[in-house]
Amino acid sequence: MRVFVTGATGFVGGWLRQELTASRHEVIDAPGPDELDIADRAGLALAVANARPDVVVHLAAIAFGPEATSDPGEAIRVNVGGTLAVVEACRALTPQPAILAVGSAEVYAPPVTSDPLTEHSPLGPRGVYGLTKLAAEAIARLAADDGLAVAVTRSFNHAGPGQRPVFALPAFAQRILEARAAGTHEIRAGNVDVARDISDVRDVVRAYRLLAEALVDRHSPGGARIYNVASGRAHTMRSIIAELASLADWPVSIVQDRELMRTNDPLHIQGDATALRALTGWTPQIEMRRTLADVLASLA
């Protein structure tokens, strides 16, 4: 199948490109942000028309929550406006490409129990990023109502080699490596007792490939179906740091930094990917220890 990927130059986009190519699909990268603004409807429509894809995988977004918070207008323009541009570009073509809109578990309301979140769990994003992803979902759903083949993911945390160290796992890895280089044994961290569902990015892009294939083969049920992409396992940040320190062979103690603390941070977030597994057979294959080892190696 021919796959047009927005955000192909990003962290997840690079891994998705490898996954699709390894499965012998033809990948057409959307022009990067230096060439084309994702919210430029006319420009994106031309790029999609020239690509003639079977499916568009829409990854392009402001994906780091604090960046969305610092500039809400830009986050809305990119995350919501970009999704609208993708939908309009696909709607204008004959035949119409399918759309896999990559969303976020940040659309869910903060859980009050440790029960896994399903696609039917209450919605209620706490920040600008989650709000923009919920609005993008709404646009994708309207496209499905118009007859386009659409699937939306609610992807939980994921990490792997090449991720920016503004995100938790590579940030912890970098601090441990810096401590080792400096001969110190203390690192700064925020709330380390929260638990999060974290997948390896290579498992996540395999889920995206399987969903794209299901859309093109029309195995996915009608309407805009929502699929959690989650490992089903939650890890505390404290355990992540301990594992990284072990892999780096450098014991560390944690100094809690108030500037890194997030207020009202849910204690436990875990996803349920039963719907994704039922449709595609997907299950996570990469253990956390390998993810962390590969993150460390990529930063060394």
Protein backbone atom coordinates (compact mmCIF):
# COMPACT_ATOMS: atom_id res chain seq x y z
CA MET A 1 0.00 0.00 0.00
CA ARG A 2 1.04 3.63 -0.54
CA VAL A 3 1.29 5.48 2.77
CA PHE A 4 1.54 9.26 3.10
CA VAL A 5 3.05 10.10 6.50
CA THR A 6 2.80 13.54 8.07
CA GLY A 7 5.42 14.20 10.73
CA ALA A 8 7.71 11.69 9.02
CA THR A 9 10.81 13.58 10.14
CA GLY A 10 9.89 13.32 13.83
CA PHE A 11 10.76 10.72 16.45
CA VAL A 12 7.78 8.42 15.85
CA GLY A 13 7.70 9.21 12.13
CA GLY A 14 11.23 7.92 11.61
CA TRP A 15 10.43 4.63 13.32
CA LEU A 16 7.13 4.31 11.43
CA ARG A 17 8.93 4.80 8.15
CA GLN A 18 11.27 1.90 9.00
CA GLU A 19 8.34 -0.30 10.04
CA LEU A 20 6.37 0.36 6.86
CA THR A 21 9.37 -0.06 4.58
CA ALA A 22 10.32 -3.34 6.26
CA SER A 23 6.79 -4.58 5.51
CA ARG A 24 7.27 -3.62 1.84
CA HIS A 25 4.87 -0.71 1.82
CA GLU A 26 5.65 2.40 -0.20
CA VAL A 27 6.14 5.44 2.03
CA ILE A 28 5.70 9.01 0.86
CA ASP A 29 6.91 11.57 3.39
CA ALA A 30 4.92 14.76 3.76
CA PRO A 31 7.17 17.78 3.27
CA GLY A 32 8.76 18.79 6.58
CA PRO A 33 7.81 21.94 8.48
CA ASP A 34 10.55 23.94 6.73
CA GLU A 35 8.82 23.24 3.40
CA LEU A 36 5.13 22.97 4.26
CA ASP A 37 3.05 24.15 7.19
CA ILE A 38 0.85 21.21 8.19
CA ALA A 39 -2.09 23.60 8.62
CA ASP A 40 -1.69 24.97 5.07
CA ARG A 41 -4.80 23.41 3.57
CA ALA A 42 -4.04 24.23 -0.04
CA GLY A 43 -0.42 23.14 0.22
CA LEU A 44 -1.24 19.91 1.99
CA ALA A 45 -4.05 19.12 -0.47
CA LEU A 46 -1.56 19.40 -3.32
CA ALA A 47 0.99 17.20 -1.54
CA VAL A 48 -1.59 14.48 -0.83
CA ALA A 49 -2.99 14.66 -4.37
CA ASN A 50 0.51 14.24 -5.82
CA ALA A 51 1.22 11.28 -3.51
CA ARG A 52 -1.99 9.38 -4.43
CA PRO A 53 -1.86 7.36 -1.19
CA ASP A 54 -4.05 4.50 -0.08
CA VAL A 55 -3.84 5.78 3.49
CA VAL A 56 -2.60 8.88 5.31
CA VAL A 57 -1.01 8.38 8.71
CA HIS A 58 -1.26 11.73 10.46
CA LEU A 59 1.50 12.13 13.04
CA ALA A 60 2.45 15.79 12.67
CA ALA A 61 1.70 17.67 15.88
CA ILE A 62 3.07 19.62 18.78
CA ALA A 63 3.49 16.51 20.91
CA PHE A 64 5.12 17.77 24.12
CA GLY A 65 2.55 18.97 26.64
CA PRO A 66 4.56 21.88 28.12
CA GLU A 67 5.22 23.24 24.62
CA ALA A 68 1.47 23.23 23.93
CA THR A 69 0.84 24.97 27.26
CA SER A 70 3.42 27.66 26.54
CA ASP A 71 1.79 28.55 23.20
CA PRO A 72 -1.86 27.41 23.14
CA GLY A 73 -2.64 29.29 19.93
CA GLU A 74 0.13 27.51 18.04
CA ALA A 75 -0.89 24.15 19.51
CA ILE A 76 -4.46 24.66 18.32
CA ARG A 77 -3.31 25.82 14.91
CA VAL A 78 -1.01 22.84 14.38
CA ASN A 79 -2.84 20.01 16.16
CA VAL A 80 -6.40 20.95 15.23
CA GLY A 81 -5.78 22.91 12.04
CA GLY A 82 -3.38 20.25 10.79
CA THR A 83 -5.94 17.50 11.27
CA LEU A 84 -8.56 19.56 9.45
CA ALA A 85 -6.13 20.06 6.56
CA VAL A 86 -5.49 16.31 6.35
CA VAL A 87 -9.20 15.50 6.35
CA GLU A 88 -10.01 18.08 3.67
CA ALA A 89 -7.13 16.86 1.49
CA CYS A 90 -8.39 13.27 1.65
CA ARG A 91 -12.02 14.23 1.18
CA ALA A 92 -11.19 16.01 -2.09
CA LEU A 93 -9.65 12.94 -3.77
CA THR A 94 -11.21 10.09 -5.74
CA PRO A 95 -10.70 7.46 -4.50
CA GLN A 96 -10.48 8.87 -1.00
CA PRO A 97 -7.50 7.70 1.06
CA ALA A 98 -8.12 6.18 4.47
CA ILE A 99 -6.91 8.18 7.48
CA LEU A 100 -5.14 6.97 10.60
CA ALA A 101 -5.22 9.93 12.98
CA VAL A 102 -2.70 9.42 15.77
CA GLY A 103 -4.10 10.80 18.99
CA SER A 104 -3.30 10.64 22.68
CA ALA A 105 -4.49 9.10 25.92
CA GLU A 106 -4.26 12.64 27.30
CA VAL A 107 -7.91 13.00 26.21
CA TYR A 108 -9.01 10.85 29.17
CA ALA A 109 -10.11 12.29 32.48
CA PRO A 110 -7.60 11.63 35.27
CA PRO A 111 -8.42 8.15 36.61
CA VAL A 112 -9.46 7.84 40.23
CA THR A 113 -8.57 4.14 40.44
CA SER A 114 -5.79 1.94 39.09
CA ASP A 115 -8.17 0.19 36.68
CA PRO A 116 -6.97 0.23 33.06
CA LEU A 117 -8.51 2.89 30.84
CA THR A 118 -10.62 1.61 27.96
CA GLU A 119 -11.97 3.48 24.97
CA HIS A 120 -15.19 3.94 26.97
CA SER A 121 -13.51 5.60 29.96
CA PRO A 122 -14.58 9.19 30.75
CA LEU A 123 -12.98 11.96 28.73
CA GLY A 124 -11.68 15.14 30.34
CA PRO A 125 -8.25 16.39 29.28
CA ARG A 126 -6.43 18.46 31.88
CA GLY A 127 -4.26 20.60 29.63
CA VAL A 128 -3.98 22.36 26.31
CA TYR A 129 -2.34 19.40 24.59
CA GLY A 130 -5.11 16.99 25.56
CA LEU A 131 -7.77 19.49 24.54
CA THR A 132 -6.24 19.88 21.09
CA LYS A 133 -6.09 16.11 20.61
CA LEU A 134 -9.73 15.77 21.63
CA ALA A 135 -10.69 18.44 19.10
CA ALA A 136 -8.65 16.62 16.45
CA GLU A 137 -10.55 13.43 17.29
CA ALA A 138 -13.83 15.26 16.71
CA ILE A 139 -12.67 16.34 13.25
CA ALA A 140 -11.68 12.77 12.40
CA ARG A 141 -15.06 11.49 13.57
CA LEU A 142 -16.88 13.98 11.36
CA ALA A 143 -14.80 12.76 8.42
CA ALA A 144 -15.94 9.20 9.13
CA ASP A 145 -19.54 10.40 9.21
CA ASP A 146 -18.92 11.71 5.68
CA GLY A 147 -17.87 8.24 4.56
CA LEU A 148 -14.07 8.29 4.86
CA ALA A 149 -12.33 5.23 6.29
CA VAL A 150 -10.93 6.57 9.56
CA ALA A 151 -9.30 5.18 12.69
CA VAL A 152 -8.06 7.21 15.65
CA THR A 153 -5.50 6.07 18.19
CA ARG A 154 -5.35 7.07 21.81
CA SER A 155 -1.69 6.35 22.30
CA PHE A 156 -0.29 6.10 25.80
CA ASN A 157 3.31 7.03 26.66
CA HIS A 158 6.01 5.57 24.46
CA ALA A 159 9.77 5.90 24.35
CA GLY A 160 12.82 4.65 22.52
CA PRO A 161 16.10 5.60 20.90
CA GLY A 162 16.06 9.06 19.35
CA GLN A 163 13.42 10.60 21.60
CA ARG A 164 14.15 14.14 22.78
CA PRO A 165 15.37 14.30 26.39
CA VAL A 166 12.56 16.66 27.32
CA PHE A 167 10.51 13.48 27.74
CA ALA A 168 10.81 11.52 30.96
CA LEU A 169 12.74 8.37 30.05
CA PRO A 170 15.49 9.94 27.94
CA ALA A 171 15.67 12.82 30.44
CA PHE A 172 16.33 10.38 33.30
CA ALA A 173 18.86 8.49 31.15
CA GLN A 174 20.70 11.68 30.26
CA ARG A 175 20.87 12.82 33.89
CA ILE A 176 22.30 9.46 34.96
CA LEU A 177 24.92 9.55 32.20
CA GLU A 178 25.83 13.13 33.15
CA ALA A 179 26.10 12.14 36.81
CA ARG A 180 28.38 9.24 35.90
CA ALA A 181 30.58 11.52 33.77
CA ALA A 182 30.80 14.02 36.64
CA GLY A 183 31.43 11.35 39.28
CA THR A 184 28.32 12.29 41.27
CA HIS A 185 25.48 10.06 42.43
CA GLU A 186 22.55 12.45 42.66
CA ILE A 187 20.00 13.27 39.99
CA ARG A 188 17.03 15.62 40.03
CA ALA A 189 13.51 14.37 39.39
CA GLY A 190 9.91 15.32 40.07
CA ASN A 191 7.22 12.99 41.35
CA VAL A 192 8.86 9.60 40.98
CA ASP A 193 6.09 7.55 42.56
CA VAL A 194 3.56 8.04 39.77
CA ALA A 195 3.05 5.01 37.52
CA ARG A 196 2.60 5.23 33.76
CA ASP A 197 1.84 2.86 30.90
CA ILE A 198 4.92 3.10 28.67
CA SER A 199 5.44 1.17 25.43
CA ASP A 200 8.46 0.90 23.19
CA VAL A 201 8.08 3.14 20.13
CA ARG A 202 8.89 0.16 17.90
CA ASP A 203 5.86 -1.69 19.25
CA VAL A 204 3.75 1.44 18.81
CA VAL A 205 4.62 1.94 15.15
CA ARG A 206 3.86 -1.73 14.51
CA ALA A 207 0.38 -1.04 15.89
CA TYR A 208 0.06 1.92 13.52
CA ARG A 209 1.10 -0.23 10.55
CA LEU A 210 -1.44 -2.92 11.43
CA LEU A 211 -4.21 -0.34 11.80
CA ALA A 212 -3.30 1.27 8.48
CA GLU A 213 -3.39 -2.13 6.79
CA ALA A 214 -6.78 -2.87 8.35
CA LEU A 215 -8.14 0.44 7.06
CA VAL A 216 -6.92 -0.14 3.52
CA ASP A 217 -8.19 -3.72 3.52
CA ARG A 218 -11.48 -2.45 5.03
CA HIS A 219 -11.14 -4.83 7.96
CA SER A 220 -11.84 -1.95 10.33
CA PRO A 221 -15.52 -1.48 11.15
CA GLY A 222 -17.31 1.57 9.74
CA GLY A 223 -17.26 4.91 11.50
CA ALA A 224 -14.28 6.48 13.21
CA ARG A 225 -13.15 3.69 15.49
CA ILE A 226 -10.99 4.59 18.50
CA TYR A 227 -8.13 2.31 19.55
CA ASN A 228 -5.97 2.55 22.65
CA VAL A 229 -2.32 1.80 21.96
CA ALA A 230 -1.00 0.72 25.35
CA SER A 231 1.25 -1.92 26.88
CA GLY A 232 -1.21 -2.74 29.66
CA ARG A 233 1.58 -2.39 32.22
CA ALA A 234 2.34 0.60 34.45
CA HIS A 235 5.84 1.44 35.72
CA THR A 236 6.71 3.94 38.44
CA MET A 237 9.25 6.58 37.55
CA ARG A 238 11.26 5.43 40.56
CA SER A 239 11.54 1.92 39.09
CA ILE A 240 12.51 3.36 35.70
CA ILE A 241 15.33 5.38 37.27
CA ALA A 242 16.53 2.35 39.24
CA GLU A 243 16.62 0.21 36.08
CA LEU A 244 18.46 2.88 34.11
CA ALA A 245 21.01 3.26 36.91
CA SER A 246 21.54 -0.50 36.95
CA LEU A 247 22.03 -0.62 33.19
CA ALA A 248 24.47 2.30 33.37
CA ASP A 249 26.26 0.60 36.28
CA TRP A 250 26.01 3.84 38.21
CA PRO A 251 23.89 3.93 41.40
CA VAL A 252 22.06 7.20 41.97
CA SER A 253 19.94 8.81 44.64
CA ILE A 254 16.97 10.97 43.71
CA VAL A 255 16.75 14.60 44.77
CA GLN A 256 13.19 15.76 44.29
CA ASP A 257 13.06 19.11 42.52
CA ARG A 258 9.92 21.18 43.04
CA GLU A 259 10.35 22.78 39.65
CA LEU A 260 9.96 19.35 38.08
CA MET A 261 6.91 18.40 40.12
CA ARG A 262 3.52 18.42 38.40
CA THR A 263 0.56 19.38 40.54
CA ASN A 264 -2.45 17.05 40.59
CA ASP A 265 -0.53 14.37 38.73
CA PRO A 266 -2.60 11.12 38.66
CA LEU A 267 -0.89 8.37 40.63
CA HIS A 268 -1.60 5.55 38.17
CA ILE A 269 -2.38 5.55 34.44
CA GLN A 270 -2.66 2.27 32.56
CA GLY A 271 -4.28 1.46 29.24
CA ASP A 272 -6.31 -1.43 27.90
CA ALA A 273 -5.59 -2.31 24.25
CA THR A 274 -8.17 -5.11 23.92
CA ALA A 275 -9.90 -3.46 20.94
CA LEU A 276 -6.62 -3.07 19.05
CA ARG A 277 -5.65 -6.67 19.80
CA ALA A 278 -9.05 -7.96 18.66
CA LEU A 279 -8.77 -6.16 15.31
CA THR A 280 -5.10 -6.71 14.50
CA GLY A 281 -3.66 -9.31 16.88
CA TRP A 282 -1.18 -6.72 18.17
CA THR A 283 0.57 -7.28 21.48
CA PRO A 284 3.68 -5.51 22.79
CA GLN A 285 6.88 -7.50 22.25
CA ILE A 286 9.70 -5.34 23.60
CA GLU A 287 10.40 -5.44 27.33
CA MET A 288 11.08 -2.26 29.28
CA ARG A 289 14.65 -3.26 30.07
CA ARG A 290 15.52 -3.41 26.36
CA THR A 291 13.86 -0.04 25.73
CA LEU A 292 15.87 1.56 28.52
CA ALA A 293 19.12 -0.06 27.41
CA ASP A 294 18.59 1.21 23.87
CA VAL A 295 17.74 4.71 25.10
CA LEU A 296 20.95 4.78 27.15
CA ALA A 297 22.99 3.54 24.20
CA SER A 298 21.55 6.22 21.93
CA LEU A 299 22.59 8.97 24.37
CA ALA A 300 26.03 7.64 25.25
